[in-house]
Protein backbone atom coordinates (compact mmCIF):
# COMPACT_ATOMS: atom_id res chain seq x y z
CA UNK A 1 5.78 19.38 -18.97
CA UNK A 2 3.18 21.54 -20.71
CA UNK A 3 0.72 23.66 -18.74
CA UNK A 4 -2.62 21.89 -18.33
CA UNK A 5 -5.97 22.83 -16.86
CA UNK A 6 -7.80 20.66 -14.35
CA UNK A 7 -9.85 18.71 -16.88
CA UNK A 8 -6.78 17.95 -18.98
CA UNK A 9 -4.90 16.74 -15.88
CA UNK A 10 -7.74 14.41 -14.90
CA UNK A 11 -8.01 13.08 -18.45
CA UNK A 12 -4.27 12.41 -18.70
CA UNK A 13 -4.15 10.63 -15.33
CA UNK A 14 -7.17 8.50 -16.23
CA UNK A 15 -5.77 7.61 -19.65
CA UNK A 16 -2.46 6.54 -18.09
CA UNK A 17 -4.15 4.19 -15.62
CA UNK A 18 -2.65 5.79 -12.51
CA UNK A 19 -3.78 4.21 -9.23
CA UNK A 20 -2.71 4.50 -5.61
CA UNK A 21 0.64 2.72 -5.72
CA UNK A 22 0.97 2.29 -1.98
CA UNK A 23 -2.37 0.72 -1.11
CA UNK A 24 -5.37 -1.00 -2.63
CA UNK A 25 -5.04 0.81 -5.96
CA UNK A 26 -7.81 3.42 -5.82
CA UNK A 27 -8.03 5.16 -9.23
CA UNK A 28 -6.13 8.43 -8.88
CA UNK A 29 -8.26 10.42 -11.32
CA UNK A 30 -11.21 9.89 -8.97
CA UNK A 31 -9.25 11.27 -6.00
CA UNK A 32 -8.08 14.27 -8.02
CA UNK A 33 -11.66 15.11 -9.01
CA UNK A 34 -12.33 16.21 -5.40
CA UNK A 35 -11.86 19.68 -3.93
CA UNK A 36 -9.82 19.94 -0.76
CA UNK A 37 -7.95 22.32 1.49
CA UNK A 38 -4.78 20.28 2.02
CA UNK A 39 -2.83 17.84 -0.17
CA UNK A 40 -0.66 15.44 1.82
CA UNK A 41 2.17 13.55 0.12
CA UNK A 42 2.56 10.24 1.93
CA UNK A 43 6.26 9.37 2.02
CA UNK A 44 6.01 7.47 5.29
CA UNK A 45 6.67 4.03 3.79
CA UNK A 46 4.62 2.41 6.50
CA UNK A 47 5.77 -1.23 6.37
CA UNK A 48 9.18 -2.15 7.84
CA UNK A 49 11.94 -3.05 5.32
CA UNK A 50 10.29 -1.26 2.35
CA UNK A 51 12.12 1.73 0.85
CA UNK A 52 10.46 2.68 -2.44
CA UNK A 53 9.32 6.15 -1.35
CA UNK A 54 12.73 7.05 0.10
CA UNK A 55 14.51 5.99 -3.08
CA UNK A 56 12.11 7.84 -5.38
CA UNK A 57 12.46 11.02 -3.33
CA UNK A 58 16.25 10.69 -3.42
CA UNK A 59 16.53 10.07 -7.16
CA UNK A 60 13.40 11.65 -8.67
CA UNK A 61 12.23 14.42 -6.34
CA UNK A 62 11.73 16.99 -9.18
CA UNK A 63 9.48 14.49 -10.99
CA UNK A 64 7.47 13.84 -7.82
CA UNK A 65 7.07 17.59 -7.32
CA UNK A 66 5.86 18.03 -10.91
CA UNK A 67 3.18 15.46 -10.18
CA UNK A 68 2.43 17.26 -6.91
CA UNK A 69 1.96 20.59 -8.71
CA UNK A 70 -0.54 19.00 -11.07
CA UNK A 71 -2.38 17.27 -8.23
CA UNK A 72 -2.52 20.53 -6.29
CA UNK A 73 -4.09 22.30 -9.26
CA UNK A 74 -6.61 19.50 -9.75
CA UNK A 75 -7.85 19.46 -6.14
CA UNK A 76 -7.45 23.19 -5.54
CA UNK A 77 -5.39 22.67 -2.37
CA UNK A 78 -4.20 25.76 -0.56
CA UNK A 79 -1.55 23.84 1.35
CA UNK A 80 0.71 20.93 0.44
CA UNK A 81 2.60 18.80 2.96
CA UNK A 82 5.41 16.42 2.05
CA UNK A 83 5.79 13.85 4.82
CA UNK A 84 8.99 11.84 5.29
CA UNK A 85 10.46 9.89 8.22
CA UNK A 86 12.59 12.25 10.32
CA UNK A 87 15.30 9.61 10.66
CA UNK A 88 16.35 10.13 7.03
CA UNK A 89 18.52 13.15 7.82
CA UNK A 90 20.46 13.27 4.53
CA UNK A 91 17.26 12.95 2.49
CA UNK A 92 15.57 15.68 4.48
CA UNK A 93 18.50 17.97 3.72
CA UNK A 94 18.20 17.23 -0.01
CA UNK A 95 14.47 17.91 0.07
CA UNK A 96 14.85 21.18 1.96
CA UNK A 97 17.30 22.46 -0.66
CA UNK A 98 14.99 21.51 -3.51
CA UNK A 99 11.90 23.01 -1.84
CA UNK A 100 13.49 26.45 -1.94
CA UNK A 101 12.00 26.58 -5.46
CA UNK A 102 8.67 25.17 -4.29
CA UNK A 103 7.64 27.51 -1.46
CA UNK A 104 4.08 26.21 -1.29
CA UNK A 105 5.27 22.76 -0.18
CA UNK A 106 5.90 22.26 3.55
CA UNK A 107 8.21 19.43 4.62
CA UNK A 108 6.85 17.50 7.63
CA UNK A 109 9.29 15.09 9.34
CA UNK A 110 7.46 12.08 10.75
CA UNK A 111 8.21 10.03 13.84
CA UNK A 112 9.60 6.57 13.14
CA UNK A 113 6.53 4.71 14.36
CA UNK A 114 4.19 2.12 12.92
CA UNK A 115 1.72 2.57 11.20
CA UNK A 116 2.29 6.31 10.63
CA UNK A 117 1.62 5.82 6.90
CA UNK A 118 -2.00 4.88 7.61
CA UNK A 119 -4.07 7.71 6.12
CA UNK A 120 -6.03 8.32 9.31
CA UNK A 121 -2.91 8.56 11.47
CA UNK A 122 -1.06 10.63 8.90
CA UNK A 123 -3.86 13.17 8.56
CA UNK A 124 -4.11 13.46 12.34
CA UNK A 125 -0.34 13.98 12.65
CA UNK A 126 -0.22 16.65 9.94
CA UNK A 127 -3.52 18.49 10.46
CA UNK A 128 -4.56 17.48 13.99
CA UNK A 129 -7.96 16.39 12.63
CA UNK A 130 -9.26 12.86 13.29
CA UNK A 131 -10.94 11.27 10.29
CA UNK A 132 -14.36 9.78 11.21
CA UNK A 133 -14.73 6.00 11.60
CA UNK A 134 -14.89 4.37 8.14
CA UNK A 135 -14.41 7.87 6.77
CA UNK A 136 -12.09 9.43 4.22
CA UNK A 137 -9.47 12.17 4.64
CA UNK A 138 -11.60 14.30 2.32
CA UNK A 139 -14.16 14.60 5.14
CA UNK A 140 -11.64 16.70 7.07
CA UNK A 141 -10.44 18.65 4.03
CA UNK A 142 -7.52 16.49 2.88
CA UNK A 143 -6.46 14.32 -0.03
CA UNK A 144 -3.56 11.90 0.54
CA UNK A 145 -1.41 10.57 -2.31
CA UNK A 146 1.74 8.53 -2.00
CA UNK A 147 5.10 9.34 -3.55
CA UNK A 148 5.05 6.79 -6.37
CA UNK A 149 1.51 7.80 -7.30
CA UNK A 150 2.63 11.40 -7.79
CA UNK A 151 5.65 10.20 -9.76
CA UNK A 152 3.20 8.39 -12.05
CA UNK A 153 0.99 11.49 -12.29
CA UNK A 154 3.97 13.47 -13.62
CA UNK A 155 4.70 10.74 -16.15
CA UNK A 156 1.04 10.71 -17.21
CA UNK A 157 1.17 14.41 -18.04
CA UNK A 158 3.93 13.57 -20.51
CA UNK A 159 1.79 10.86 -22.09
CA UNK A 160 3.45 7.90 -20.31
CA UNK A 161 1.17 5.13 -19.05
CA UNK A 162 1.78 3.13 -15.88
CA UNK A 163 3.76 0.14 -17.12
CA UNK A 164 6.34 -0.19 -14.34
CA UNK A 165 6.15 -0.60 -10.58
CA UNK A 166 8.94 0.21 -8.12
CA UNK A 167 9.54 -2.76 -5.84
CA UNK A 168 11.82 -3.21 -2.83
CA UNK A 169 13.23 -6.72 -2.34
CA UNK A 170 14.59 -7.21 1.17
CA UNK A 171 15.06 -9.84 3.85
CA UNK A 172 17.19 -12.95 3.37
CA UNK A 173 18.86 -11.76 0.18
CA UNK A 174 22.47 -10.99 -0.69
CA UNK A 175 21.63 -7.90 -2.78
CA UNK A 176 18.67 -6.08 -1.26
CA UNK A 177 17.46 -3.29 -3.47
CA UNK A 178 14.67 -1.40 -5.15
CA UNK A 179 14.00 -1.97 -8.84
CA UNK A 180 11.71 -0.58 -11.52
CA UNK A 181 9.88 -3.71 -12.63
CA UNK A 182 7.72 -4.11 -15.77
CA UNK A 183 4.17 -4.95 -14.70
CA UNK A 184 3.49 -8.60 -15.43
CA UNK A 185 6.97 -9.85 -14.46
CA UNK A 186 6.80 -13.06 -12.40
CA UNK A 187 7.66 -12.50 -8.74
CA UNK A 188 10.29 -15.26 -8.84
CA UNK A 189 12.34 -13.30 -11.41
CA UNK A 190 12.29 -10.17 -9.23
CA UNK A 191 13.42 -12.21 -6.25
CA UNK A 192 16.29 -13.72 -8.26
CA UNK A 193 17.66 -10.24 -8.95
CA UNK A 194 18.25 -9.82 -5.21
CA UNK A 195 20.10 -13.17 -4.93
CA UNK A 196 18.15 -15.05 -2.22
CA UNK A 197 20.16 -16.59 0.62
CA UNK A 198 17.58 -19.30 1.30
CA UNK A 199 17.07 -22.33 -0.93
CA UNK A 200 13.76 -22.30 -2.84
CA UNK A 201 12.33 -25.22 -0.85
CA UNK A 202 13.09 -23.51 2.45
CA UNK A 203 12.16 -19.94 1.60
CA UNK A 204 8.94 -17.98 1.86
CA UNK A 205 8.15 -14.77 -0.01
CA UNK A 206 5.86 -12.13 1.41
CA UNK A 207 4.30 -9.61 -0.92
CA UNK A 208 3.62 -6.26 0.73
CA UNK A 209 5.41 -6.19 4.04
CA UNK A 210 5.91 -8.20 7.22
CA UNK A 211 2.92 -6.65 8.99
CA UNK A 212 0.11 -6.54 6.44
CA UNK A 213 1.53 -8.64 3.63
CA UNK A 214 0.62 -12.08 2.38
CA UNK A 215 2.72 -15.17 1.82
CA UNK A 216 2.94 -15.90 -1.90
CA UNK A 217 2.13 -19.53 -2.68
CA UNK A 218 2.81 -19.27 -6.42
CA UNK A 219 5.95 -17.32 -7.37
CA UNK A 220 4.82 -17.17 -10.99
CA UNK A 221 2.26 -14.57 -9.91
CA UNK A 222 2.92 -11.22 -11.62
CA UNK A 223 4.03 -7.89 -10.26
CA UNK A 224 1.16 -5.38 -10.47
CA UNK A 225 0.76 -1.61 -10.10
CA UNK A 226 0.36 -1.97 -6.33
CA UNK A 227 3.30 -4.31 -5.66
CA UNK A 228 5.64 -2.31 -3.39
CA UNK A 229 7.69 -4.93 -1.59
CA UNK A 230 8.81 -8.54 -1.64
CA UNK A 231 10.30 -9.91 1.57
CA UNK A 232 12.28 -13.17 1.46
CA UNK A 233 12.47 -15.11 4.74
CA UNK A 234 13.14 -18.67 5.90
CA UNK A 235 9.91 -20.64 5.84
CA UNK A 236 10.11 -21.28 9.60
CA UNK A 237 10.39 -17.57 10.45
CA UNK A 238 7.86 -16.26 12.99
CA UNK A 239 6.49 -13.65 10.57
CA UNK A 240 5.77 -16.30 7.96
CA UNK A 241 4.03 -18.50 10.54
CA UNK A 242 1.77 -15.65 11.67
CA UNK A 243 0.82 -14.68 8.14
CA UNK A 244 0.25 -18.28 7.04
CA UNK A 245 -1.64 -20.35 9.62
CA UNK A 246 -4.99 -18.62 9.55
CA UNK A 247 -7.20 -21.43 10.82
CA UNK A 248 -4.82 -22.39 13.63
CA UNK A 249 -4.56 -18.77 14.71
CA UNK A 250 -8.33 -18.39 14.72
CA UNK A 251 -8.88 -21.51 16.81
CA UNK A 252 -6.22 -20.38 19.27
CA UNK A 253 -7.70 -16.87 19.38
CA UNK A 254 -11.13 -18.20 20.23
CA UNK A 255 -9.90 -20.24 23.20
CA UNK A 256 -7.13 -18.66 25.25
CA UNK A 257 -7.46 -14.85 25.31
CA UNK A 258 -6.59 -13.66 28.83
CA UNK A 259 -8.18 -10.20 28.40
CA UNK A 260 -4.98 -8.24 29.01
CA UNK A 261 -6.43 -5.49 26.71
CA UNK A 262 -3.06 -4.88 25.02
CA UNK A 263 -4.63 -5.32 21.56
CA UNK A 264 -7.02 -2.45 22.32
CA UNK A 265 -4.47 -0.33 24.18
CA UNK A 266 -2.16 -0.29 21.15
CA UNK A 267 -4.76 -0.32 18.35
CA UNK A 268 -4.03 2.81 16.25
CA UNK A 269 -7.66 3.31 15.18
CA UNK A 270 -8.89 2.86 18.78
CA UNK A 271 -6.34 5.46 19.92
CA UNK A 272 -7.69 7.88 17.31
CA UNK A 273 -11.03 7.66 19.10
CA UNK A 274 -12.80 5.15 16.87
CA UNK A 275 -15.20 2.73 18.65
CA UNK A 276 -13.03 -0.34 18.03
CA UNK A 277 -12.36 -2.64 21.02
CA UNK A 278 -10.51 -5.80 19.91
CA UNK A 279 -10.31 -7.32 23.40
CA UNK A 280 -14.10 -7.18 23.79
CA UNK A 281 -14.50 -9.05 20.55
CA UNK A 282 -12.05 -11.72 21.74
CA UNK A 283 -13.87 -11.98 25.07
CA UNK A 284 -17.19 -12.61 23.37
CA UNK A 285 -15.71 -15.30 21.16
CA UNK A 286 -13.88 -17.01 24.03
CA UNK A 287 -17.11 -17.11 26.04
CA UNK A 288 -18.90 -18.82 23.16
CA UNK A 289 -21.81 -16.44 23.42
CA UNK A 290 -23.37 -14.12 20.87
CA UNK A 291 -21.39 -11.08 19.81
CA UNK A 292 -22.68 -7.74 21.02
CA UNK A 293 -23.50 -5.38 18.18
CA UNK A 294 -20.85 -2.80 19.11
CA UNK A 295 -17.99 -5.32 19.11
CA UNK A 296 -19.09 -6.93 15.84
CA UNK A 297 -19.57 -3.58 14.12
CA UNK A 298 -16.16 -2.48 15.37
CA UNK A 299 -14.58 -5.13 13.14
CA UNK A 300 -15.49 -2.93 10.16
CA UNK A 301 -13.25 -0.19 11.58
CA UNK A 302 -10.14 -2.39 11.68
CA UNK A 303 -7.42 -1.17 9.29
CA UNK A 304 -5.73 -4.62 9.49
CA UNK A 305 -2.40 -2.95 10.32
CA UNK A 306 -1.31 -5.98 12.36
CA UNK A 307 -0.27 -4.17 15.55
CA UNK A 308 -2.61 -6.35 17.60
CA UNK A 309 -1.28 -9.72 16.47
CA UNK A 310 2.26 -9.02 15.29
CA UNK A 311 3.22 -6.78 18.23
CA UNK A 312 0.72 -6.33 21.05
CA UNK A 313 -0.43 -9.86 21.92
CA UNK A 314 2.18 -11.79 23.91
CA UNK A 315 0.16 -14.99 23.39
CA UNK A 316 0.36 -14.81 19.60
CA UNK A 317 -3.39 -14.37 19.07
CA UNK A 318 -4.86 -12.55 16.09
CA UNK A 319 -7.76 -10.16 16.60
CA UNK A 320 -6.98 -8.92 13.11
CA UNK A 321 -7.84 -12.30 11.56
CA UNK A 322 -11.04 -12.44 13.59
CA UNK A 323 -11.93 -8.99 12.27
CA UNK A 324 -11.23 -10.13 8.71
CA UNK A 325 -13.59 -13.07 9.11
CA UNK A 326 -16.31 -10.87 10.62
CA UNK A 327 -15.95 -8.31 7.85
CA UNK A 328 -16.49 -11.03 5.28
CA UNK A 329 -19.52 -12.46 7.12
CA UNK A 330 -21.19 -9.30 8.40
CA UNK A 331 -19.90 -6.48 6.20
CA UNK A 332 -22.88 -6.16 3.88
CA UNK A 333 -25.33 -6.26 6.82
CA UNK A 334 -23.46 -3.56 8.73
CA UNK A 335 -22.54 -1.23 5.88
CA UNK A 336 -25.20 1.36 6.69
CA UNK A 337 -24.31 1.48 10.38
CA UNK A 338 -23.49 4.85 11.92
CA UNK A 339 -20.78 5.00 14.59
CA UNK A 340 -20.85 7.30 17.59
CA UNK A 341 -17.43 8.55 18.63
CA UNK A 342 -15.80 11.31 20.62
CA UNK A 343 -14.34 13.10 17.56
CA UNK A 344 -11.01 13.40 19.38
CA UNK A 345 -8.06 11.13 19.94
CA UNK A 346 -7.77 9.20 23.19
CA UNK A 347 -5.36 10.28 25.89
CA UNK A 348 -3.11 7.26 25.31
CA UNK A 349 -2.32 8.05 21.66
CA UNK A 350 1.25 9.21 22.33
CA UNK A 351 2.01 6.35 24.72
CA UNK A 352 0.56 3.78 22.34
CA UNK A 353 2.99 4.53 19.53
CA UNK A 354 4.97 1.54 18.28
CA UNK A 355 8.60 2.46 17.44
CA UNK A 356 9.59 0.88 14.14
CA UNK A 357 13.00 -0.26 15.36
CA UNK A 358 11.41 -2.00 18.34
CA UNK A 359 8.84 -3.57 16.03
CA UNK A 360 11.58 -4.88 13.74
CA UNK A 361 13.39 -6.42 16.71
CA UNK A 362 10.14 -7.92 18.01
CA UNK A 363 9.51 -9.53 14.62
CA UNK A 364 13.07 -10.93 14.61
CA UNK A 365 13.87 -9.01 11.44
CA UNK A 366 16.87 -7.00 12.65
CA UNK A 367 19.40 -9.01 10.62
CA UNK A 368 17.23 -8.61 7.52
CA UNK A 369 16.64 -4.88 7.91
CA UNK A 370 19.04 -3.65 5.23
CA UNK A 371 19.40 -0.62 2.94
CA UNK A 372 17.65 -1.25 -0.38
CA UNK A 373 19.09 1.29 -2.84
CA UNK A 374 17.64 1.91 -6.26
CA UNK A 375 19.36 -0.53 -8.62
CA UNK A 376 17.79 0.38 -11.94
CA UNK A 377 15.29 -1.50 -14.08
CA UNK A 378 14.63 -5.21 -14.59
CA UNK A 379 14.04 -6.39 -18.15
CA UNK A 380 10.91 -8.44 -17.47
CA UNK A 381 10.24 -12.02 -18.48
CA UNK A 382 9.95 -13.66 -21.87
CA UNK A 383 6.30 -14.26 -21.05
CA UNK A 384 4.37 -11.54 -19.20
CA UNK A 385 1.01 -11.97 -17.49
CA UNK A 386 -0.81 -8.67 -17.04
CA UNK A 387 -4.01 -8.65 -14.93
CA UNK A 388 -6.94 -6.57 -16.15
CA UNK A 389 -7.77 -5.75 -12.52
CA UNK A 390 -4.97 -4.09 -10.56
CA UNK A 391 -7.14 -1.55 -8.82
CA UNK A 392 -10.21 -0.91 -6.70
CA UNK A 393 -13.37 -1.38 -8.75
CA UNK A 394 -14.26 -3.51 -11.75
CA UNK A 395 -11.79 -5.21 -14.08
CA UNK A 396 -10.85 -3.29 -17.20
CA UNK A 397 -12.55 -4.42 -20.40
CA UNK A 398 -10.04 -6.20 -22.65
CA UNK A 399 -9.14 -4.33 -25.85
CA UNK A 400 -6.84 -6.90 -27.50
CA UNK A 401 -7.11 -10.40 -28.94
CA UNK A 402 -4.73 -13.36 -29.21
CA UNK A 403 -2.35 -12.91 -32.11
CA UNK A 404 -2.36 -9.11 -31.85
CA UNK A 405 1.05 -7.37 -31.79
CA UNK A 406 1.44 -4.78 -29.02
CA UNK A 407 4.08 -2.25 -27.96
CA UNK A 408 5.04 -1.04 -24.51
CA UNK A 409 2.20 1.34 -23.59
CA UNK A 410 -0.46 -0.28 -25.79
CA UNK A 411 -3.90 -0.12 -24.15
CA UNK A 412 -4.89 -3.61 -23.04
CA UNK A 413 -7.98 -2.77 -21.01
CA UNK A 414 -10.18 0.27 -20.42
CA UNK A 415 -13.12 1.09 -18.18
CA UNK A 416 -16.66 1.55 -19.39
CA UNK A 417 -17.97 5.09 -18.85
CA UNK A 418 -18.94 5.72 -15.26
CA UNK A 419 -17.45 2.52 -13.83
CA UNK A 420 -14.84 2.69 -11.09
CA UNK A 421 -11.48 1.32 -12.21
CA UNK A 422 -8.36 2.09 -14.22
CA UNK A 423 -6.93 1.50 -17.66
CA UNK A 424 -4.29 -1.23 -18.08
CA UNK A 425 -1.41 -1.07 -20.57
CA UNK A 426 1.22 -3.42 -21.89
CA UNK A 427 4.60 -3.09 -20.22
CA UNK A 428 6.49 -4.73 -23.11
CA UNK A 429 6.44 -5.19 -26.87
CA UNK A 430 5.34 -8.58 -28.10
CA UNK A 431 2.41 -10.72 -29.21
CA UNK A 432 -0.75 -11.45 -27.23
CA UNK A 433 -0.87 -15.25 -26.90
CA UNK A 434 -3.83 -15.57 -24.53
CA UNK A 435 -6.64 -13.65 -22.86
CA UNK A 436 -7.93 -15.78 -20.02
CA UNK A 437 -8.80 -15.73 -16.30
CA UNK A 438 -8.75 -11.94 -16.24
CA UNK A 439 -5.20 -11.73 -17.63
CA UNK A 440 -3.55 -10.75 -20.90
CA UNK A 441 -0.54 -12.97 -21.60
CA UNK A 442 2.14 -11.49 -23.86
CA UNK A 443 5.07 -13.31 -25.47
CA UNK A 444 7.99 -10.91 -25.67
CA UNK A 445 9.29 -9.70 -29.01
CA UNK A 446 9.59 -6.53 -31.03
CA UNK A 447 11.62 -3.42 -30.28
CA UNK A 448 12.18 -3.96 -26.53
CA UNK A 449 12.20 -7.76 -26.50
């Protein structure tokens, strides 16, 4: 990798279309344009059953560290922290040996709790600084990037665009694993590689993870830059039911909350000191009266981690879904609101931790919690559907037309100057057969087809 200055690093990352691989897809070149004191590498792999970060660190640690070095130069960080679950003893040993040549990187073992990968919790664990409500880690001097993002940064510096996504397939499958998947591959073809144990008519597929993921209704949907996990479960599994029946959960939530306060007592953002009180919101709704301003505004602070409904509430209610509805209805009216808070974590933070193994047992996922080793690359489908929006911000502006021949890495969409978003590239060689509904459809052919 050639030596590059800050501007060249930012330009390369932007041109490659790198986005946050572990979250909503925030354009990485925008994050790297900031100045900060500490760079935190998020290897926590927050959701149960997902193992992309662990596998990338095991197989491609030098590449991740090359991306880290570039990111450090871009943001001017004085300190770099690589965070990994402490339970991965063999991996920690490998990392410690490698870091002998990278003395400016400090390895930070993490407790095996959920949701330690949440940026606010991670920054507090590493730096002891609570991020303000609705704030960013940058406000306390930190930038957080996940492992796959830094892997993609290193690739970008060598002129390689983001055309693949690493995806763990786990759950009710005979061959759980992690694969490098060409972006645009239908989800059903990725699932087939893991050999599902449940018949198609009886199975459900969750994209993301069992806590914050979504049930996929159409398995022809494509893998994108932010696809990290696909969980296969029987359709009657409790996790599927909780992620599926939104209206039933909302009606139930409005009517039978007993005010035990467990949703608040275990809410990670509440425990960090943020003015979020899920049980008060539920009380107001159950009473049928108007919402008080503090409770309604608190919905904006919800990270939607799922601790309240998937773990804390013994009645199966969903404050998270209520918060989602309120965000949609009230978000624009409350966006300018300022929150008063103590600027320190609450006393119950340590006691409110949710051990991942206990969470897995609670979700009845123990039998599906399997190692998911890196198993190489999938070839992709004969027909690939590549969305022009796989990131936070506006869709990329299409740069190709039907009938045009493209190669792997061909620019399909770029952002207008000054607009938030990321470039999109073809993951395969072939011919563009359609540009519609925000997607570029490519029929495989050519050198890699």
